[in-house]
């Protein structure tokens, strides 16, 4: 399952552990183990009952796929999660830099335009070896 598919799932915690386990085709004890290993973090009700969201279910299925189909152990799954978080952080930083670069570019274009407007009367067409800017005489 792609990360985007997991991210598109709802974060609303609605499933108790028995239902979540059934939806993910795992034993409830497996979910408790995943929680102990910090692979999932279900929310808790006011009565401390574990509640799982659709996103949690999707992630549990992905853990199962990684461990059963690909053969990655739980430590490997945890490392994959850490790397995904690092990647997401880098993507957020890159997006912020793109926004900042666009703002800088817009300011530069404005400054260039203002400079051209200010000095356009002094700019004369250049000839092959002549200077492009007319010099003022004292």
N, C-alpha and C. Protein backbone atom coordinates (compact mmCIF):
# COMPACT_ATOMS: atom_id res chain seq x y z
N UNK A 1 0.85 -1.18 0.00
CA UNK A 1 0.00 0.00 0.00
C UNK A 1 0.89 1.24 0.00
N UNK A 2 0.54 2.19 -0.81
CA UNK A 2 1.32 3.42 -0.89
C UNK A 2 1.04 4.30 0.32
N UNK A 3 2.03 5.12 0.68
CA UNK A 3 1.89 6.03 1.81
C UNK A 3 0.68 6.94 1.61
N UNK A 4 0.45 7.38 0.37
CA UNK A 4 -0.68 8.27 0.09
C UNK A 4 -2.01 7.60 0.40
N UNK A 5 -2.08 6.29 0.15
CA UNK A 5 -3.32 5.55 0.43
C UNK A 5 -3.58 5.51 1.93
N UNK A 6 -2.54 5.32 2.71
CA UNK A 6 -2.69 5.30 4.17
C UNK A 6 -3.07 6.69 4.66
N UNK A 7 -2.41 7.73 4.12
CA UNK A 7 -2.68 9.09 4.57
C UNK A 7 -4.09 9.54 4.25
N UNK A 8 -4.69 8.97 3.21
CA UNK A 8 -6.03 9.39 2.80
C UNK A 8 -7.11 8.83 3.72
N UNK A 9 -6.76 7.90 4.59
CA UNK A 9 -7.74 7.29 5.48
C UNK A 9 -8.10 8.25 6.61
N UNK A 10 -9.28 8.02 7.18
CA UNK A 10 -9.77 8.86 8.26
C UNK A 10 -9.00 8.62 9.56
N UNK A 11 -8.78 9.69 10.30
CA UNK A 11 -8.11 9.60 11.60
C UNK A 11 -9.11 9.44 12.76
N UNK A 12 -10.37 9.39 12.45
CA UNK A 12 -11.39 9.31 13.50
C UNK A 12 -11.34 7.94 14.18
N UNK A 13 -11.06 7.91 15.49
CA UNK A 13 -10.97 6.62 16.20
C UNK A 13 -12.37 6.06 16.49
N UNK A 14 -12.68 4.94 15.83
CA UNK A 14 -14.05 4.41 15.98
C UNK A 14 -14.10 2.92 16.28
N UNK A 15 -12.98 2.20 16.12
CA UNK A 15 -13.01 0.75 16.27
C UNK A 15 -12.33 0.31 17.56
N UNK A 16 -13.02 -0.54 18.33
CA UNK A 16 -12.39 -1.14 19.50
C UNK A 16 -11.43 -2.22 18.99
N UNK A 17 -10.59 -2.72 19.86
CA UNK A 17 -9.51 -3.62 19.44
C UNK A 17 -10.01 -4.88 18.74
N UNK A 18 -11.11 -5.44 19.20
CA UNK A 18 -11.60 -6.69 18.57
C UNK A 18 -12.05 -6.44 17.13
N UNK A 19 -12.72 -5.33 16.89
CA UNK A 19 -13.17 -4.99 15.54
C UNK A 19 -11.97 -4.62 14.67
N UNK A 20 -11.05 -3.83 15.22
CA UNK A 20 -9.86 -3.44 14.46
C UNK A 20 -9.06 -4.67 14.05
N UNK A 21 -8.90 -5.61 14.98
CA UNK A 21 -8.16 -6.83 14.68
C UNK A 21 -8.85 -7.62 13.57
N UNK A 22 -10.17 -7.71 13.65
CA UNK A 22 -10.90 -8.43 12.61
C UNK A 22 -10.76 -7.74 11.25
N UNK A 23 -10.87 -6.41 11.23
CA UNK A 23 -10.75 -5.67 9.97
C UNK A 23 -9.36 -5.82 9.36
N UNK A 24 -8.35 -5.91 10.22
CA UNK A 24 -6.97 -6.02 9.72
C UNK A 24 -6.53 -7.48 9.58
N UNK A 25 -7.40 -8.40 9.93
CA UNK A 25 -7.10 -9.84 9.85
C UNK A 25 -5.90 -10.24 10.71
N UNK A 26 -5.88 -9.73 11.93
CA UNK A 26 -4.84 -10.10 12.90
C UNK A 26 -5.51 -10.40 14.24
N UNK A 27 -4.76 -10.97 15.13
CA UNK A 27 -5.25 -11.25 16.48
C UNK A 27 -5.14 -9.97 17.31
N UNK A 28 -6.06 -9.73 18.24
CA UNK A 28 -5.96 -8.54 19.09
C UNK A 28 -4.60 -8.44 19.81
N UNK A 29 -4.02 -9.60 20.17
CA UNK A 29 -2.73 -9.58 20.84
C UNK A 29 -1.64 -8.99 19.92
N UNK A 30 -1.80 -9.21 18.64
CA UNK A 30 -0.85 -8.63 17.67
C UNK A 30 -0.90 -7.11 17.73
N UNK A 31 -2.10 -6.57 17.85
CA UNK A 31 -2.24 -5.12 17.94
C UNK A 31 -1.60 -4.59 19.22
N UNK A 32 -1.76 -5.33 20.31
CA UNK A 32 -1.13 -4.92 21.56
C UNK A 32 0.39 -4.94 21.43
N UNK A 33 0.93 -5.96 20.74
CA UNK A 33 2.37 -6.05 20.53
C UNK A 33 2.85 -4.88 19.65
N UNK A 34 2.11 -4.58 18.58
CA UNK A 34 2.48 -3.46 17.72
C UNK A 34 2.50 -2.15 18.52
N UNK A 35 1.55 -2.04 19.43
CA UNK A 35 1.51 -0.83 20.26
C UNK A 35 2.72 -0.78 21.20
N UNK A 36 3.06 -1.91 21.81
CA UNK A 36 4.24 -1.94 22.70
C UNK A 36 5.51 -1.57 21.94
N UNK A 37 5.59 -2.00 20.69
CA UNK A 37 6.77 -1.71 19.86
C UNK A 37 6.68 -0.35 19.18
N UNK A 38 5.61 0.39 19.52
CA UNK A 38 5.38 1.74 19.01
C UNK A 38 5.21 1.81 17.50
N UNK A 39 4.69 0.71 16.93
CA UNK A 39 4.39 0.71 15.50
C UNK A 39 3.04 1.35 15.21
N UNK A 40 2.15 1.28 16.19
CA UNK A 40 0.86 1.96 16.10
C UNK A 40 0.60 2.63 17.44
N UNK A 41 -0.21 3.66 17.41
CA UNK A 41 -0.55 4.38 18.63
C UNK A 41 -2.05 4.68 18.62
N UNK A 42 -2.85 3.69 19.00
CA UNK A 42 -4.30 3.94 19.00
C UNK A 42 -4.65 5.00 20.03
N UNK A 43 -5.72 5.70 19.74
CA UNK A 43 -6.20 6.67 20.72
C UNK A 43 -6.93 5.92 21.81
N UNK A 44 -7.21 6.60 22.89
CA UNK A 44 -7.91 5.97 24.02
C UNK A 44 -9.18 6.74 24.33
N UNK A 45 -10.21 5.99 24.70
CA UNK A 45 -11.45 6.63 25.13
C UNK A 45 -11.26 7.13 26.56
N UNK A 46 -12.25 7.80 27.09
CA UNK A 46 -12.16 8.28 28.48
C UNK A 46 -12.03 7.12 29.46
N UNK A 47 -12.53 5.93 29.07
CA UNK A 47 -12.40 4.74 29.90
C UNK A 47 -11.14 3.94 29.61
N UNK A 48 -10.19 4.52 28.86
CA UNK A 48 -8.89 3.93 28.51
C UNK A 48 -9.01 2.76 27.53
N UNK A 49 -10.12 2.66 26.82
CA UNK A 49 -10.31 1.62 25.81
C UNK A 49 -9.59 2.07 24.54
N UNK A 50 -8.81 1.14 23.96
CA UNK A 50 -8.11 1.45 22.71
C UNK A 50 -9.13 1.65 21.60
N UNK A 51 -8.92 2.73 20.81
CA UNK A 51 -9.78 3.01 19.67
C UNK A 51 -8.91 3.22 18.44
N UNK A 52 -9.26 2.53 17.37
CA UNK A 52 -8.48 2.55 16.14
C UNK A 52 -9.24 3.27 15.03
N UNK A 53 -8.51 3.97 14.20
CA UNK A 53 -9.10 4.69 13.06
C UNK A 53 -8.91 3.87 11.78
N UNK A 54 -9.53 4.32 10.71
CA UNK A 54 -9.32 3.68 9.41
C UNK A 54 -7.85 3.77 9.00
N UNK A 55 -7.21 4.88 9.33
CA UNK A 55 -5.79 5.02 9.01
C UNK A 55 -4.96 4.00 9.79
N UNK A 56 -5.31 3.78 11.06
CA UNK A 56 -4.61 2.75 11.86
C UNK A 56 -4.77 1.38 11.20
N UNK A 57 -5.99 1.07 10.77
CA UNK A 57 -6.26 -0.23 10.13
C UNK A 57 -5.42 -0.37 8.86
N UNK A 58 -5.37 0.69 8.06
CA UNK A 58 -4.56 0.66 6.83
C UNK A 58 -3.08 0.44 7.16
N UNK A 59 -2.60 1.10 8.22
CA UNK A 59 -1.20 0.94 8.59
C UNK A 59 -0.93 -0.47 9.11
N UNK A 60 -1.86 -1.04 9.88
CA UNK A 60 -1.71 -2.41 10.38
C UNK A 60 -1.63 -3.38 9.20
N UNK A 61 -2.47 -3.17 8.20
CA UNK A 61 -2.41 -4.01 7.00
C UNK A 61 -1.06 -3.87 6.30
N UNK A 62 -0.54 -2.66 6.27
CA UNK A 62 0.77 -2.44 5.65
C UNK A 62 1.87 -3.13 6.45
N UNK A 63 1.79 -3.10 7.76
CA UNK A 63 2.76 -3.82 8.60
C UNK A 63 2.70 -5.30 8.27
N UNK A 64 1.48 -5.83 8.16
CA UNK A 64 1.31 -7.24 7.83
C UNK A 64 1.92 -7.57 6.46
N UNK A 65 1.69 -6.69 5.50
CA UNK A 65 2.24 -6.91 4.15
C UNK A 65 3.77 -6.90 4.19
N UNK A 66 4.33 -5.94 4.90
CA UNK A 66 5.79 -5.84 4.97
C UNK A 66 6.40 -7.06 5.66
N UNK A 67 5.76 -7.52 6.73
CA UNK A 67 6.33 -8.65 7.48
C UNK A 67 6.06 -9.98 6.81
N UNK A 68 4.86 -10.18 6.28
CA UNK A 68 4.50 -11.49 5.74
C UNK A 68 4.87 -11.67 4.28
N UNK A 69 4.61 -10.67 3.46
CA UNK A 69 4.88 -10.81 2.03
C UNK A 69 6.34 -10.51 1.67
N UNK A 70 6.90 -9.52 2.32
CA UNK A 70 8.26 -9.10 1.96
C UNK A 70 9.29 -9.72 2.90
N UNK A 71 8.87 -10.07 4.10
CA UNK A 71 9.77 -10.72 5.04
C UNK A 71 10.57 -9.77 5.93
N UNK A 72 10.11 -8.55 6.08
CA UNK A 72 10.80 -7.57 6.93
C UNK A 72 10.39 -7.82 8.37
N UNK A 73 11.36 -7.78 9.27
CA UNK A 73 11.02 -7.96 10.69
C UNK A 73 10.48 -6.64 11.25
N UNK A 74 9.97 -6.69 12.49
CA UNK A 74 9.33 -5.51 13.07
C UNK A 74 10.31 -4.36 13.28
N UNK A 75 11.58 -4.68 13.56
CA UNK A 75 12.59 -3.62 13.67
C UNK A 75 12.76 -2.92 12.32
N UNK A 76 12.71 -3.71 11.26
CA UNK A 76 12.79 -3.13 9.91
C UNK A 76 11.59 -2.26 9.60
N UNK A 77 10.42 -2.71 10.02
CA UNK A 77 9.20 -1.92 9.81
C UNK A 77 9.32 -0.60 10.56
N UNK A 78 9.83 -0.68 11.78
CA UNK A 78 10.00 0.55 12.57
C UNK A 78 10.96 1.50 11.88
N UNK A 79 12.05 0.96 11.32
CA UNK A 79 13.02 1.80 10.60
C UNK A 79 12.38 2.42 9.36
N UNK A 80 11.56 1.65 8.66
CA UNK A 80 10.84 2.17 7.50
C UNK A 80 9.95 3.34 7.93
N UNK A 81 9.27 3.19 9.06
CA UNK A 81 8.43 4.27 9.57
C UNK A 81 9.26 5.51 9.86
N UNK A 82 10.42 5.33 10.48
CA UNK A 82 11.29 6.47 10.79
C UNK A 82 11.75 7.15 9.51
N UNK A 83 12.12 6.35 8.52
CA UNK A 83 12.57 6.92 7.25
C UNK A 83 11.43 7.65 6.53
N UNK A 84 10.22 7.12 6.63
CA UNK A 84 9.07 7.80 6.03
C UNK A 84 8.83 9.14 6.71
N UNK A 85 8.96 9.17 8.04
CA UNK A 85 8.80 10.43 8.77
C UNK A 85 9.88 11.42 8.35
N UNK A 86 11.13 10.93 8.21
CA UNK A 86 12.22 11.80 7.76
C UNK A 86 11.93 12.35 6.37
N UNK A 87 11.43 11.49 5.50
CA UNK A 87 11.10 11.90 4.13
C UNK A 87 10.00 12.95 4.14
N UNK A 88 8.97 12.72 4.94
CA UNK A 88 7.86 13.68 5.03
C UNK A 88 8.36 15.02 5.54
N UNK A 89 9.26 14.99 6.53
CA UNK A 89 9.83 16.24 7.06
C UNK A 89 10.64 16.95 5.98
N UNK A 90 11.43 16.19 5.23
CA UNK A 90 12.22 16.78 4.14
C UNK A 90 11.30 17.35 3.06
N UNK A 91 10.21 16.66 2.76
CA UNK A 91 9.26 17.17 1.76
C UNK A 91 8.62 18.46 2.24
N UNK A 92 8.29 18.55 3.54
CA UNK A 92 7.72 19.79 4.07
C UNK A 92 8.74 20.92 3.99
N UNK A 93 10.01 20.62 4.33
CA UNK A 93 11.05 21.63 4.25
C UNK A 93 11.26 22.08 2.82
N UNK A 94 11.26 21.14 1.88
CA UNK A 94 11.42 21.48 0.47
C UNK A 94 10.27 22.37 0.00
N UNK A 95 9.06 22.04 0.41
CA UNK A 95 7.91 22.85 0.02
C UNK A 95 8.05 24.26 0.58
N UNK A 96 8.49 24.38 1.82
CA UNK A 96 8.70 25.71 2.41
C UNK A 96 9.77 26.48 1.64
N UNK A 97 10.83 25.79 1.22
CA UNK A 97 11.88 26.45 0.44
C UNK A 97 11.37 26.88 -0.92
N UNK A 98 10.52 26.08 -1.53
CA UNK A 98 9.94 26.46 -2.82
C UNK A 98 9.10 27.72 -2.68
N UNK A 99 8.32 27.79 -1.60
CA UNK A 99 7.50 28.98 -1.37
C UNK A 99 8.41 30.18 -1.16
N UNK A 100 9.44 30.01 -0.35
CA UNK A 100 10.38 31.11 -0.10
C UNK A 100 11.08 31.54 -1.39
N UNK A 101 11.50 30.58 -2.22
CA UNK A 101 12.16 30.90 -3.48
C UNK A 101 11.22 31.67 -4.40
N UNK A 102 9.96 31.28 -4.43
CA UNK A 102 8.97 31.98 -5.26
C UNK A 102 8.78 33.42 -4.77
N UNK A 103 8.76 33.60 -3.45
CA UNK A 103 8.63 34.95 -2.89
C UNK A 103 9.85 35.80 -3.24
N UNK A 104 11.03 35.22 -3.13
CA UNK A 104 12.26 35.94 -3.47
C UNK A 104 12.27 36.29 -4.96
N UNK A 105 11.86 35.34 -5.80
CA UNK A 105 11.82 35.60 -7.23
C UNK A 105 10.85 36.74 -7.54
N UNK A 106 9.70 36.75 -6.88
CA UNK A 106 8.72 37.81 -7.11
C UNK A 106 9.29 39.16 -6.70
N UNK A 107 9.98 39.21 -5.56
CA UNK A 107 10.61 40.47 -5.11
C UNK A 107 11.68 40.91 -6.10
N UNK A 108 12.48 39.96 -6.58
CA UNK A 108 13.54 40.30 -7.54
C UNK A 108 12.94 40.85 -8.83
N UNK A 109 11.89 40.21 -9.32
CA UNK A 109 11.25 40.69 -10.55
C UNK A 109 10.72 42.11 -10.36
N UNK A 110 10.12 42.36 -9.19
CA UNK A 110 9.61 43.69 -8.90
C UNK A 110 10.75 44.71 -8.85
N UNK A 111 11.83 44.35 -8.20
CA UNK A 111 12.98 45.25 -8.13
C UNK A 111 13.57 45.51 -9.51
N UNK A 112 13.65 44.49 -10.34
CA UNK A 112 14.15 44.65 -11.70
C UNK A 112 13.24 45.59 -12.48
N UNK A 113 11.92 45.38 -12.36
CA UNK A 113 10.96 46.23 -13.05
C UNK A 113 11.08 47.68 -12.60
N UNK A 114 11.17 47.87 -11.28
CA UNK A 114 11.31 49.24 -10.75
C UNK A 114 12.61 49.88 -11.23
N UNK A 115 13.68 49.10 -11.26
CA UNK A 115 14.96 49.62 -11.73
C UNK A 115 14.89 49.98 -13.20
N UNK A 116 14.28 49.14 -14.00
CA UNK A 116 14.13 49.43 -15.43
C UNK A 116 13.30 50.69 -15.65
N UNK A 117 12.22 50.83 -14.88
CA UNK A 117 11.38 52.02 -15.03
C UNK A 117 12.13 53.28 -14.62
N UNK A 118 12.92 53.17 -13.58
CA UNK A 118 13.68 54.32 -13.08
C UNK A 118 14.76 54.75 -14.06
N UNK A 119 15.45 53.78 -14.65
CA UNK A 119 16.59 54.11 -15.49
C UNK A 119 16.31 53.97 -16.99
N UNK A 120 15.09 53.66 -17.40
CA UNK A 120 14.82 53.45 -18.82
C UNK A 120 15.13 54.67 -19.68
N UNK A 121 14.92 55.91 -19.21
CA UNK A 121 15.29 57.05 -20.06
C UNK A 121 16.80 57.12 -20.32
N UNK A 122 17.58 56.55 -19.46
CA UNK A 122 19.04 56.61 -19.62
C UNK A 122 19.59 55.46 -20.44
N UNK A 123 18.75 54.47 -20.69
CA UNK A 123 19.22 53.31 -21.44
C UNK A 123 19.04 53.58 -22.93
N UNK A 124 20.11 53.40 -23.66
CA UNK A 124 20.05 53.60 -25.11
C UNK A 124 20.41 52.29 -25.78
N UNK A 125 19.91 52.09 -26.98
CA UNK A 125 20.26 50.85 -27.68
C UNK A 125 21.76 50.75 -27.83
N UNK A 126 22.26 49.61 -27.63
CA UNK A 126 23.71 49.43 -27.73
C UNK A 126 24.09 49.05 -29.14
N UNK A 127 25.24 49.49 -29.52
CA UNK A 127 25.83 49.06 -30.77
C UNK A 127 26.82 47.96 -30.40
N UNK A 128 27.36 47.40 -31.33
CA UNK A 128 28.20 46.23 -31.09
C UNK A 128 29.24 46.45 -30.00
N UNK A 129 29.92 47.55 -29.98
CA UNK A 129 30.98 47.77 -28.99
C UNK A 129 30.71 48.98 -28.11
N UNK A 130 29.55 49.55 -28.22
CA UNK A 130 29.23 50.73 -27.42
C UNK A 130 28.63 50.31 -26.09
N UNK A 131 28.82 51.12 -25.05
CA UNK A 131 28.20 50.78 -23.76
C UNK A 131 26.68 50.87 -23.85
N UNK A 132 26.00 50.07 -23.08
CA UNK A 132 24.55 49.99 -23.13
C UNK A 132 23.88 51.15 -22.41
N UNK A 133 24.56 51.76 -21.47
CA UNK A 133 23.97 52.83 -20.66
C UNK A 133 24.63 54.14 -21.03
N UNK A 134 23.82 55.15 -21.26
CA UNK A 134 24.35 56.47 -21.61
C UNK A 134 24.90 57.10 -20.34
N UNK A 135 26.06 57.63 -20.43
CA UNK A 135 26.68 58.27 -19.26
C UNK A 135 26.28 59.73 -19.22
N UNK A 136 26.05 60.20 -18.03
CA UNK A 136 25.72 61.62 -17.83
C UNK A 136 27.00 62.43 -17.90
N UNK A 137 26.87 63.58 -18.46
CA UNK A 137 28.03 64.47 -18.54
C UNK A 137 28.00 65.44 -17.38
N UNK A 138 29.18 65.70 -16.80
CA UNK A 138 29.22 66.62 -15.65
C UNK A 138 28.90 68.05 -16.00
